[in-house]
Amino acid sequence: MSVYDEWTADEILEKVMRDSLVDADEVRALERRLQRDWVVDRSEVELLFRVNQALGERAEQCGEWTEFFVNHVARLLIMDIDTPGEIDQAEGDWLAGMLDQYGTGNSAESALLGALQRSATRVSGRLVERLG
């Protein structure tokens, strides 16, 4: 039994932001919450960016966080109904805005950009500038 079994995803994320630390148990608990009841949308991804910003370079201490962050942000952008496999103009502009507002340049963000570059069949918007 995990200490996080009774916590909501928001409560776990708030704790991580408050501590500026994340561990594998917290990430596994978040993953369980998402599998049950949390549809990843822009507001949830913005919260993930805020958490990642709070973690800064400490995100590198937890590979599980990087994988979680990349998977959920990429899922929102790549697996959407309107432009599956692509990052359209609005999505590219939105993600570039998230990076402008919450970006730290840490390993989780670098991994995200690499994953998007590898998996998207087309990238549009201001994100193109980030991918070089």
C-alpha atoms as a PDB file:
ATOM      1  CA  MET A   1       0.000   0.000   0.000  1.00  0.00           C
ATOM      2  CA  SER A   2       1.381   3.382  -1.025  1.00  0.00           C
ATOM      3  CA  VAL A   3       1.132   6.520   1.072  1.00  0.00           C
ATOM      4  CA  TYR A   4      -0.379   8.143  -2.055  1.00  0.00           C
ATOM      5  CA  ASP A   5      -3.268   5.691  -2.492  1.00  0.00           C
ATOM      6  CA  GLU A   6      -5.808   8.171  -1.139  1.00  0.00           C
ATOM      7  CA  TRP A   7      -4.325  11.253  -2.816  1.00  0.00           C
ATOM      8  CA  THR A   8      -5.648  12.879  -5.978  1.00  0.00           C
ATOM      9  CA  ALA A   9      -3.331  13.646  -8.885  1.00  0.00           C
ATOM     10  CA  ASP A  10      -3.580  17.351  -8.058  1.00  0.00           C
ATOM     11  CA  GLU A  11      -2.579  16.728  -4.441  1.00  0.00           C
ATOM     12  CA  ILE A  12       0.462  14.732  -5.517  1.00  0.00           C
ATOM     13  CA  LEU A  13       1.493  17.392  -8.031  1.00  0.00           C
ATOM     14  CA  GLU A  14       1.039  20.156  -5.448  1.00  0.00           C
ATOM     15  CA  LYS A  15       3.304  18.255  -3.036  1.00  0.00           C
ATOM     16  CA  VAL A  16       5.952  17.811  -5.714  1.00  0.00           C
ATOM     17  CA  MET A  17       5.845  21.537  -6.523  1.00  0.00           C
ATOM     18  CA  ARG A  18       6.008  22.466  -2.847  1.00  0.00           C
ATOM     19  CA  ASP A  19       9.006  20.158  -2.227  1.00  0.00           C
ATOM     20  CA  SER A  20      10.655  20.819  -5.617  1.00  0.00           C
ATOM     21  CA  LEU A  21      11.432  17.089  -5.570  1.00  0.00           C
ATOM     22  CA  VAL A  22       9.849  14.052  -7.158  1.00  0.00           C
ATOM     23  CA  ASP A  23      10.451  10.362  -6.660  1.00  0.00           C
ATOM     24  CA  ALA A  24       9.455   7.156  -8.412  1.00  0.00           C
ATOM     25  CA  ASP A  25       6.630   6.425  -5.925  1.00  0.00           C
ATOM     26  CA  GLU A  26       5.007   9.784  -6.669  1.00  0.00           C
ATOM     27  CA  VAL A  27       5.296   9.249 -10.413  1.00  0.00           C
ATOM     28  CA  ARG A  28       3.804   5.750 -10.175  1.00  0.00           C
ATOM     29  CA  ALA A  29       0.913   7.146  -8.116  1.00  0.00           C
ATOM     30  CA  LEU A  30       0.340   9.866 -10.732  1.00  0.00           C
ATOM     31  CA  GLU A  31       0.338   7.269 -13.478  1.00  0.00           C
ATOM     32  CA  ARG A  32      -2.261   5.193 -11.615  1.00  0.00           C
ATOM     33  CA  ARG A  33      -4.475   8.283 -11.249  1.00  0.00           C
ATOM     34  CA  LEU A  34      -4.198   9.100 -14.945  1.00  0.00           C
ATOM     35  CA  GLN A  35      -5.053   5.569 -15.940  1.00  0.00           C
ATOM     36  CA  ARG A  36      -8.197   5.748 -13.825  1.00  0.00           C
ATOM     37  CA  ASP A  37      -9.748   9.140 -14.263  1.00  0.00           C
ATOM     38  CA  TRP A  38      -7.594  11.948 -15.606  1.00  0.00           C
ATOM     39  CA  VAL A  39      -7.954  12.813 -19.268  1.00  0.00           C
ATOM     40  CA  VAL A  40      -4.869  14.776 -20.225  1.00  0.00           C
ATOM     41  CA  ASP A  41      -5.875  18.163 -21.601  1.00  0.00           C
ATOM     42  CA  ARG A  42      -4.128  21.505 -21.897  1.00  0.00           C
ATOM     43  CA  SER A  43      -4.833  22.567 -18.327  1.00  0.00           C
ATOM     44  CA  GLU A  44      -3.337  19.342 -16.944  1.00  0.00           C
ATOM     45  CA  VAL A  45      -0.312  19.655 -19.223  1.00  0.00           C
ATOM     46  CA  GLU A  46       0.151  23.246 -18.068  1.00  0.00           C
ATOM     47  CA  LEU A  47       0.213  21.918 -14.508  1.00  0.00           C
ATOM     48  CA  LEU A  48       2.853  19.367 -15.561  1.00  0.00           C
ATOM     49  CA  PHE A  49       4.937  22.216 -16.991  1.00  0.00           C
ATOM     50  CA  ARG A  50       4.578  24.152 -13.734  1.00  0.00           C
ATOM     51  CA  VAL A  51       5.714  21.086 -11.788  1.00  0.00           C
ATOM     52  CA  ASN A  52       8.630  20.561 -14.161  1.00  0.00           C
ATOM     53  CA  GLN A  53       9.598  24.216 -13.707  1.00  0.00           C
ATOM     54  CA  ALA A  54       9.549  23.775  -9.913  1.00  0.00           C
ATOM     55  CA  LEU A  55      11.758  20.710 -10.255  1.00  0.00           C
ATOM     56  CA  GLY A  56      14.272  22.458 -12.507  1.00  0.00           C
ATOM     57  CA  GLU A  57      17.489  20.476 -12.732  1.00  0.00           C
ATOM     58  CA  ARG A  58      16.308  18.171  -9.923  1.00  0.00           C
ATOM     59  CA  ALA A  59      14.055  16.513 -12.514  1.00  0.00           C
ATOM     60  CA  GLU A  60      17.186  14.679 -13.654  1.00  0.00           C
ATOM     61  CA  GLN A  61      17.269  12.831 -10.337  1.00  0.00           C
ATOM     62  CA  CYS A  62      14.105  10.941 -11.291  1.00  0.00           C
ATOM     63  CA  GLY A  63      14.066   9.308 -14.717  1.00  0.00           C
ATOM     64  CA  GLU A  64      10.488   8.244 -14.089  1.00  0.00           C
ATOM     65  CA  TRP A  65       9.449  11.908 -14.053  1.00  0.00           C
ATOM     66  CA  THR A  66      11.050  12.544 -17.436  1.00  0.00           C
ATOM     67  CA  GLU A  67       9.289   9.542 -18.967  1.00  0.00           C
ATOM     68  CA  PHE A  68       5.956  10.550 -17.412  1.00  0.00           C
ATOM     69  CA  PHE A  69       6.284  14.185 -18.534  1.00  0.00           C
ATOM     70  CA  VAL A  70       7.271  13.283 -22.088  1.00  0.00           C
ATOM     71  CA  ASN A  71       4.579  10.616 -22.500  1.00  0.00           C
ATOM     72  CA  HIS A  72       1.716  12.785 -21.315  1.00  0.00           C
ATOM     73  CA  VAL A  73       2.655  15.998 -23.103  1.00  0.00           C
ATOM     74  CA  ALA A  74       3.368  14.105 -26.327  1.00  0.00           C
ATOM     75  CA  ARG A  75       0.109  12.172 -26.031  1.00  0.00           C
ATOM     76  CA  LEU A  76      -1.861  15.420 -25.881  1.00  0.00           C
ATOM     77  CA  LEU A  77      -0.172  16.778 -28.992  1.00  0.00           C
ATOM     78  CA  ILE A  78       0.476  13.707 -31.140  1.00  0.00           C
ATOM     79  CA  MET A  79      -2.601  11.594 -30.387  1.00  0.00           C
ATOM     80  CA  ASP A  80      -5.268  14.269 -30.721  1.00  0.00           C
ATOM     81  CA  ILE A  81      -8.372  13.653 -32.826  1.00  0.00           C
ATOM     82  CA  ASP A  82      -8.064  16.672 -35.122  1.00  0.00           C
ATOM     83  CA  THR A  83      -4.493  16.171 -36.389  1.00  0.00           C
ATOM     84  CA  PRO A  84      -3.252  12.760 -35.243  1.00  0.00           C
ATOM     85  CA  GLY A  85       0.484  12.346 -35.664  1.00  0.00           C
ATOM     86  CA  GLU A  86       0.951  16.050 -36.388  1.00  0.00           C
ATOM     87  CA  ILE A  87       1.533  19.169 -34.351  1.00  0.00           C
ATOM     88  CA  ASP A  88      -0.597  21.800 -36.051  1.00  0.00           C
ATOM     89  CA  GLN A  89      -0.171  25.580 -35.950  1.00  0.00           C
ATOM     90  CA  ALA A  90      -2.270  26.078 -32.825  1.00  0.00           C
ATOM     91  CA  GLU A  91      -0.600  23.198 -30.968  1.00  0.00           C
ATOM     92  CA  GLY A  92       2.881  24.337 -31.970  1.00  0.00           C
ATOM     93  CA  ASP A  93       2.187  27.906 -30.894  1.00  0.00           C
ATOM     94  CA  TRP A  94       0.660  26.722 -27.614  1.00  0.00           C
ATOM     95  CA  LEU A  95       3.592  24.446 -26.745  1.00  0.00           C
ATOM     96  CA  ALA A  96       6.119  27.168 -27.615  1.00  0.00           C
ATOM     97  CA  GLY A  97       4.166  29.451 -25.270  1.00  0.00           C
ATOM     98  CA  MET A  98       4.338  26.856 -22.494  1.00  0.00           C
ATOM     99  CA  LEU A  99       8.101  26.612 -22.990  1.00  0.00           C
ATOM    100  CA  ASP A 100       8.404  30.414 -22.982  1.00  0.00           C
ATOM    101  CA  GLN A 101       6.415  30.685 -19.770  1.00  0.00           C
ATOM    102  CA  TYR A 102       7.550  27.614 -17.826  1.00  0.00           C
ATOM    103  CA  GLY A 103      10.683  26.420 -19.596  1.00  0.00           C
ATOM    104  CA  THR A 104      13.799  25.520 -17.653  1.00  0.00           C
ATOM    105  CA  GLY A 105      15.815  23.762 -20.341  1.00  0.00           C
ATOM    106  CA  ASN A 106      16.099  20.700 -18.107  1.00  0.00           C
ATOM    107  CA  SER A 107      16.471  17.117 -19.285  1.00  0.00           C
ATOM    108  CA  ALA A 108      12.702  16.483 -19.251  1.00  0.00           C
ATOM    109  CA  GLU A 109      12.099  19.335 -21.707  1.00  0.00           C
ATOM    110  CA  SER A 110      14.984  18.219 -23.910  1.00  0.00           C
ATOM    111  CA  ALA A 111      13.595  14.685 -23.945  1.00  0.00           C
ATOM    112  CA  LEU A 112      10.142  16.038 -24.814  1.00  0.00           C
ATOM    113  CA  LEU A 113      11.429  18.045 -27.776  1.00  0.00           C
ATOM    114  CA  GLY A 114      13.422  15.061 -29.014  1.00  0.00           C
ATOM    115  CA  ALA A 115      10.414  12.752 -28.732  1.00  0.00           C
ATOM    116  CA  LEU A 116       8.164  15.204 -30.572  1.00  0.00           C
ATOM    117  CA  GLN A 117      10.710  15.668 -33.327  1.00  0.00           C
ATOM    118  CA  ARG A 118      11.008  11.891 -33.785  1.00  0.00           C
ATOM    119  CA  SER A 119       7.316  11.034 -33.591  1.00  0.00           C
ATOM    120  CA  ALA A 120       5.480  13.924 -35.269  1.00  0.00           C
ATOM    121  CA  THR A 121       4.962  13.557 -38.997  1.00  0.00           C
ATOM    122  CA  ARG A 122       4.692  17.352 -39.299  1.00  0.00           C
ATOM    123  CA  VAL A 123       5.370  20.241 -36.923  1.00  0.00           C
ATOM    124  CA  SER A 124       3.927  23.736 -37.385  1.00  0.00           C
ATOM    125  CA  GLY A 125       3.722  26.963 -35.447  1.00  0.00           C
ATOM    126  CA  ARG A 126       6.350  28.559 -33.250  1.00  0.00           C
ATOM    127  CA  LEU A 127       7.505  25.133 -32.060  1.00  0.00           C
ATOM    128  CA  VAL A 128       9.388  24.742 -35.359  1.00  0.00           C
ATOM    129  CA  GLU A 129      11.878  27.370 -34.108  1.00  0.00           C
ATOM    130  CA  ARG A 130      12.532  25.305 -30.964  1.00  0.00           C
ATOM    131  CA  LEU A 131      13.230  22.153 -32.926  1.00  0.00           C
ATOM    132  CA  GLY A 132      15.696  23.885 -35.227  1.00  0.00           C
END
